[in-house]
Amino acid sequence: MRNRIKAALEDALESDDRTRVATLRLICAAIKDRDMAARGADDGPDCMTDPELVQILSQMISQREESAQRYEESGRIEDARREHEEIEVIREFLPRPLSEEEARKAISEAIAETKAKSIRDMGAVMGTLKSRYRGRMDFCKAGAEIRSALG
C-alpha cells in the first residue's frame, strides 16, 4: 500500500494536480508520524502493516467528513467541496467495501464460527469481524445486524 501511495504522489506531481498532491502528502506525513511513534516504543515494529495503514486512512476520512459537515452547516460550501475531494483521494487506497449481501454473509459466518447464542456474545462476533474486515465493513450497521440475529 505504501508503494501505491508513493507512486500516486509521483504521478500527481507530474500532472500538477494540486489537490491530489496535497492530500497524498498529508497521507505520507500521517504514515511517517505513526512510524516514528512506533519506533519510539520499545516493542514497536519498524513499519506498519496494511491493516494499520487502513486504520490511518479511515481516521483521515472520518476527520474530513466531520469537517465537511461543519463547513456545510456554516455555509462554507467551497471548503466542504475541498474536503470531499480529499476524501475521494484517500478512498482510492482503501480496500473495496463489502456489499450488503457480503456483509450479511460475513456476519452469519462470524456468528456460526464464534458459536454466539445471545447478545452477550456480540463482542466475540464483532472482534472476529473487525479482525477480518477492518476498513471494509460499517461496524455500526454490523452491530445492528448482529443484535437482530442474536436478539
C-alpha atoms as a PDB file:
ATOM      1  CA  MET A   1       0.000   0.000   0.000  1.00  0.00           C
ATOM      2  CA  ARG A   2       2.871   2.359   0.782  1.00  0.00           C
ATOM      3  CA  ASN A   3       4.264   1.872  -2.700  1.00  0.00           C
ATOM      4  CA  ARG A   4       0.890   2.657  -4.267  1.00  0.00           C
ATOM      5  CA  ILE A   5       0.672   5.885  -2.267  1.00  0.00           C
ATOM      6  CA  LYS A   6       4.222   6.918  -3.234  1.00  0.00           C
ATOM      7  CA  ALA A   7       3.591   6.133  -6.905  1.00  0.00           C
ATOM      8  CA  ALA A   8       0.332   8.110  -6.826  1.00  0.00           C
ATOM      9  CA  LEU A   9       2.177  11.074  -5.308  1.00  0.00           C
ATOM     10  CA  GLU A  10       4.785  10.967  -8.065  1.00  0.00           C
ATOM     11  CA  ASP A  11       2.053  10.832 -10.721  1.00  0.00           C
ATOM     12  CA  ALA A  12       0.182  13.718  -9.095  1.00  0.00           C
ATOM     13  CA  LEU A  13       3.363  15.800  -9.003  1.00  0.00           C
ATOM     14  CA  GLU A  14       3.941  15.137 -12.700  1.00  0.00           C
ATOM     15  CA  SER A  15       0.360  16.029 -13.625  1.00  0.00           C
ATOM     16  CA  ASP A  16       0.392  19.094 -11.320  1.00  0.00           C
ATOM     17  CA  ASP A  17      -2.847  18.076  -9.578  1.00  0.00           C
ATOM     18  CA  ARG A  18      -2.621  20.328  -6.513  1.00  0.00           C
ATOM     19  CA  THR A  19      -5.480  18.795  -4.512  1.00  0.00           C
ATOM     20  CA  ARG A  20      -4.184  15.305  -5.076  1.00  0.00           C
ATOM     21  CA  VAL A  21      -0.585  16.272  -4.253  1.00  0.00           C
ATOM     22  CA  ALA A  22      -1.628  17.994  -1.018  1.00  0.00           C
ATOM     23  CA  THR A  23      -3.808  15.065   0.081  1.00  0.00           C
ATOM     24  CA  LEU A  24      -1.173  12.453  -0.723  1.00  0.00           C
ATOM     25  CA  ARG A  25       1.441  14.465   1.158  1.00  0.00           C
ATOM     26  CA  LEU A  26      -0.887  14.537   4.181  1.00  0.00           C
ATOM     27  CA  ILE A  27      -1.251  10.762   3.942  1.00  0.00           C
ATOM     28  CA  CYS A  28       2.530  10.307   3.773  1.00  0.00           C
ATOM     29  CA  ALA A  29       3.001  12.641   6.762  1.00  0.00           C
ATOM     30  CA  ALA A  30       0.434  10.723   8.828  1.00  0.00           C
ATOM     31  CA  ILE A  31       2.166   7.436   7.985  1.00  0.00           C
ATOM     32  CA  LYS A  32       5.578   8.867   8.843  1.00  0.00           C
ATOM     33  CA  ASP A  33       4.271  10.221  12.159  1.00  0.00           C
ATOM     34  CA  ARG A  34       2.853   6.816  13.105  1.00  0.00           C
ATOM     35  CA  ASP A  35       6.080   5.079  12.051  1.00  0.00           C
ATOM     36  CA  MET A  36       8.120   7.434  14.237  1.00  0.00           C
ATOM     37  CA  ALA A  37       5.796   6.877  17.190  1.00  0.00           C
ATOM     38  CA  ALA A  38       6.072   3.099  16.747  1.00  0.00           C
ATOM     39  CA  ARG A  39       9.859   3.265  16.603  1.00  0.00           C
ATOM     40  CA  GLY A  40       9.838   5.242  19.833  1.00  0.00           C
ATOM     41  CA  ALA A  41       8.055   2.395  21.613  1.00  0.00           C
ATOM     42  CA  ASP A  42      10.339  -0.308  22.954  1.00  0.00           C
ATOM     43  CA  ASP A  43       8.444  -3.130  21.298  1.00  0.00           C
ATOM     44  CA  GLY A  44       7.202  -1.227  18.238  1.00  0.00           C
ATOM     45  CA  PRO A  45       7.718  -2.681  14.768  1.00  0.00           C
ATOM     46  CA  ASP A  46       9.857  -0.907  12.190  1.00  0.00           C
ATOM     47  CA  CYS A  47       6.919  -0.152   9.931  1.00  0.00           C
ATOM     48  CA  MET A  48       3.163  -0.507   9.930  1.00  0.00           C
ATOM     49  CA  THR A  49       1.158  -3.288   8.382  1.00  0.00           C
ATOM     50  CA  ASP A  50      -1.503  -2.691   5.748  1.00  0.00           C
ATOM     51  CA  PRO A  51      -4.342  -3.036   8.312  1.00  0.00           C
ATOM     52  CA  GLU A  52      -2.710  -0.270  10.344  1.00  0.00           C
ATOM     53  CA  LEU A  53      -2.452   1.879   7.222  1.00  0.00           C
ATOM     54  CA  VAL A  54      -6.148   1.235   6.553  1.00  0.00           C
ATOM     55  CA  GLN A  55      -6.910   2.429  10.065  1.00  0.00           C
ATOM     56  CA  ILE A  56      -4.990   5.681   9.480  1.00  0.00           C
ATOM     57  CA  LEU A  57      -6.778   6.288   6.179  1.00  0.00           C
ATOM     58  CA  SER A  58     -10.151   5.548   7.759  1.00  0.00           C
ATOM     59  CA  GLN A  59      -9.440   8.067  10.503  1.00  0.00           C
ATOM     60  CA  MET A  60      -8.442  10.658   7.928  1.00  0.00           C
ATOM     61  CA  ILE A  61     -11.739  10.128   6.113  1.00  0.00           C
ATOM     62  CA  SER A  62     -13.721  10.452   9.342  1.00  0.00           C
ATOM     63  CA  GLN A  63     -11.965  13.726  10.166  1.00  0.00           C
ATOM     64  CA  ARG A  64     -12.710  15.134   6.738  1.00  0.00           C
ATOM     65  CA  GLU A  65     -16.352  14.035   6.831  1.00  0.00           C
ATOM     66  CA  GLU A  66     -16.796  15.862  10.148  1.00  0.00           C
ATOM     67  CA  SER A  67     -15.086  18.964   8.768  1.00  0.00           C
ATOM     68  CA  ALA A  68     -17.178  18.895   5.589  1.00  0.00           C
ATOM     69  CA  GLN A  69     -20.350  18.655   7.648  1.00  0.00           C
ATOM     70  CA  ARG A  70     -19.328  21.649   9.775  1.00  0.00           C
ATOM     71  CA  TYR A  71     -18.416  23.641   6.664  1.00  0.00           C
ATOM     72  CA  GLU A  72     -21.765  22.848   5.043  1.00  0.00           C
ATOM     73  CA  GLU A  73     -23.655  23.832   8.193  1.00  0.00           C
ATOM     74  CA  SER A  74     -21.848  27.172   8.298  1.00  0.00           C
ATOM     75  CA  GLY A  75     -22.381  27.863   4.577  1.00  0.00           C
ATOM     76  CA  ARG A  76     -18.743  27.371   3.572  1.00  0.00           C
ATOM     77  CA  ILE A  77     -19.588  25.247   0.547  1.00  0.00           C
ATOM     78  CA  GLU A  78     -16.226  25.621  -1.209  1.00  0.00           C
ATOM     79  CA  ASP A  79     -14.363  24.347   1.876  1.00  0.00           C
ATOM     80  CA  ALA A  80     -16.783  21.432   2.158  1.00  0.00           C
ATOM     81  CA  ARG A  81     -16.229  20.588  -1.519  1.00  0.00           C
ATOM     82  CA  ARG A  82     -12.462  20.557  -0.953  1.00  0.00           C
ATOM     83  CA  GLU A  83     -12.883  18.148   1.990  1.00  0.00           C
ATOM     84  CA  HIS A  84     -14.987  15.828  -0.185  1.00  0.00           C
ATOM     85  CA  GLU A  85     -12.308  15.901  -2.902  1.00  0.00           C
ATOM     86  CA  GLU A  86      -9.699  14.865  -0.330  1.00  0.00           C
ATOM     87  CA  ILE A  87     -11.974  12.053   0.863  1.00  0.00           C
ATOM     88  CA  GLU A  88     -12.162  10.681  -2.672  1.00  0.00           C
ATOM     89  CA  VAL A  89      -8.365  10.675  -2.997  1.00  0.00           C
ATOM     90  CA  ILE A  90      -7.961   8.857   0.332  1.00  0.00           C
ATOM     91  CA  ARG A  91     -10.667   6.287  -0.527  1.00  0.00           C
ATOM     92  CA  GLU A  92      -8.678   5.164  -3.563  1.00  0.00           C
ATOM     93  CA  PHE A  93      -6.246   3.411  -1.221  1.00  0.00           C
ATOM     94  CA  LEU A  94      -8.792   1.672   0.974  1.00  0.00           C
ATOM     95  CA  PRO A  95      -9.943  -1.855   0.199  1.00  0.00           C
ATOM     96  CA  ARG A  96     -13.278  -2.221  -1.566  1.00  0.00           C
ATOM     97  CA  PRO A  97     -16.142  -2.097   0.956  1.00  0.00           C
ATOM     98  CA  LEU A  98     -18.268  -5.206   1.349  1.00  0.00           C
ATOM     99  CA  SER A  99     -21.659  -5.152  -0.319  1.00  0.00           C
ATOM    100  CA  GLU A 100     -24.694  -5.534   1.935  1.00  0.00           C
ATOM    101  CA  GLU A 101     -25.024  -9.173   0.882  1.00  0.00           C
ATOM    102  CA  GLU A 102     -21.336  -9.877   1.537  1.00  0.00           C
ATOM    103  CA  ALA A 103     -21.601  -8.166   4.948  1.00  0.00           C
ATOM    104  CA  ARG A 104     -24.653 -10.248   5.923  1.00  0.00           C
ATOM    105  CA  LYS A 105     -22.841 -13.417   4.901  1.00  0.00           C
ATOM    106  CA  ALA A 106     -19.717 -12.410   6.868  1.00  0.00           C
ATOM    107  CA  ILE A 107     -21.862 -11.698   9.946  1.00  0.00           C
ATOM    108  CA  SER A 108     -23.607 -15.058   9.673  1.00  0.00           C
ATOM    109  CA  GLU A 109     -20.277 -16.844   9.330  1.00  0.00           C
ATOM    110  CA  ALA A 110     -18.824 -14.982  12.332  1.00  0.00           C
ATOM    111  CA  ILE A 111     -21.860 -15.854  14.450  1.00  0.00           C
ATOM    112  CA  ALA A 112     -21.551 -19.521  13.477  1.00  0.00           C
ATOM    113  CA  GLU A 113     -17.784 -19.558  13.994  1.00  0.00           C
ATOM    114  CA  THR A 114     -17.962 -17.991  17.470  1.00  0.00           C
ATOM    115  CA  LYS A 115     -20.994 -20.127  18.352  1.00  0.00           C
ATOM    116  CA  ALA A 116     -22.782 -16.982  19.503  1.00  0.00           C
ATOM    117  CA  LYS A 117     -26.170 -17.677  21.061  1.00  0.00           C
ATOM    118  CA  SER A 118     -27.173 -14.403  22.729  1.00  0.00           C
ATOM    119  CA  ILE A 119     -26.465 -10.691  22.748  1.00  0.00           C
ATOM    120  CA  ARG A 120     -23.777 -11.343  25.386  1.00  0.00           C
ATOM    121  CA  ASP A 121     -21.712 -12.987  22.645  1.00  0.00           C
ATOM    122  CA  MET A 122     -21.831  -9.879  20.476  1.00  0.00           C
ATOM    123  CA  GLY A 123     -18.304  -8.788  21.472  1.00  0.00           C
ATOM    124  CA  ALA A 124     -16.780 -12.019  20.204  1.00  0.00           C
ATOM    125  CA  VAL A 125     -18.625 -11.695  16.897  1.00  0.00           C
ATOM    126  CA  MET A 126     -17.566  -8.061  16.487  1.00  0.00           C
ATOM    127  CA  GLY A 127     -13.968  -8.965  17.335  1.00  0.00           C
ATOM    128  CA  THR A 128     -13.932 -11.604  14.633  1.00  0.00           C
ATOM    129  CA  LEU A 129     -15.413  -9.213  12.080  1.00  0.00           C
ATOM    130  CA  LYS A 130     -13.036  -6.382  12.959  1.00  0.00           C
ATOM    131  CA  SER A 131     -10.004  -8.621  12.632  1.00  0.00           C
ATOM    132  CA  ARG A 132     -11.061  -9.668   9.128  1.00  0.00           C
ATOM    133  CA  TYR A 133     -12.941  -6.726   7.633  1.00  0.00           C
ATOM    134  CA  ARG A 134     -11.460  -3.538   9.132  1.00  0.00           C
ATOM    135  CA  GLY A 135     -11.894  -0.746   6.624  1.00  0.00           C
ATOM    136  CA  ARG A 136     -14.286  -2.809   4.522  1.00  0.00           C
ATOM    137  CA  MET A 137     -17.367  -3.023   6.747  1.00  0.00           C
ATOM    138  CA  ASP A 138     -19.561  -0.476   8.504  1.00  0.00           C
ATOM    139  CA  PHE A 139     -19.447  -1.800  12.065  1.00  0.00           C
ATOM    140  CA  CYS A 140     -22.384   0.347  13.210  1.00  0.00           C
ATOM    141  CA  LYS A 141     -24.609  -1.402  10.682  1.00  0.00           C
ATOM    142  CA  ALA A 142     -22.993  -4.733  11.531  1.00  0.00           C
ATOM    143  CA  GLY A 143     -23.787  -4.208  15.216  1.00  0.00           C
ATOM    144  CA  ALA A 144     -27.468  -3.676  14.427  1.00  0.00           C
ATOM    145  CA  GLU A 145     -27.480  -6.775  12.234  1.00  0.00           C
ATOM    146  CA  ILE A 146     -25.800  -8.849  14.958  1.00  0.00           C
ATOM    147  CA  ARG A 147     -28.293  -7.633  17.599  1.00  0.00           C
ATOM    148  CA  SER A 148     -31.134  -8.545  15.278  1.00  0.00           C
ATOM    149  CA  ALA A 149     -29.706 -12.026  14.654  1.00  0.00           C
ATOM    150  CA  LEU A 150     -28.913 -12.730  18.311  1.00  0.00           C
ATOM    151  CA  GLY A 151     -31.777 -10.860  19.957  1.00  0.00           C
END
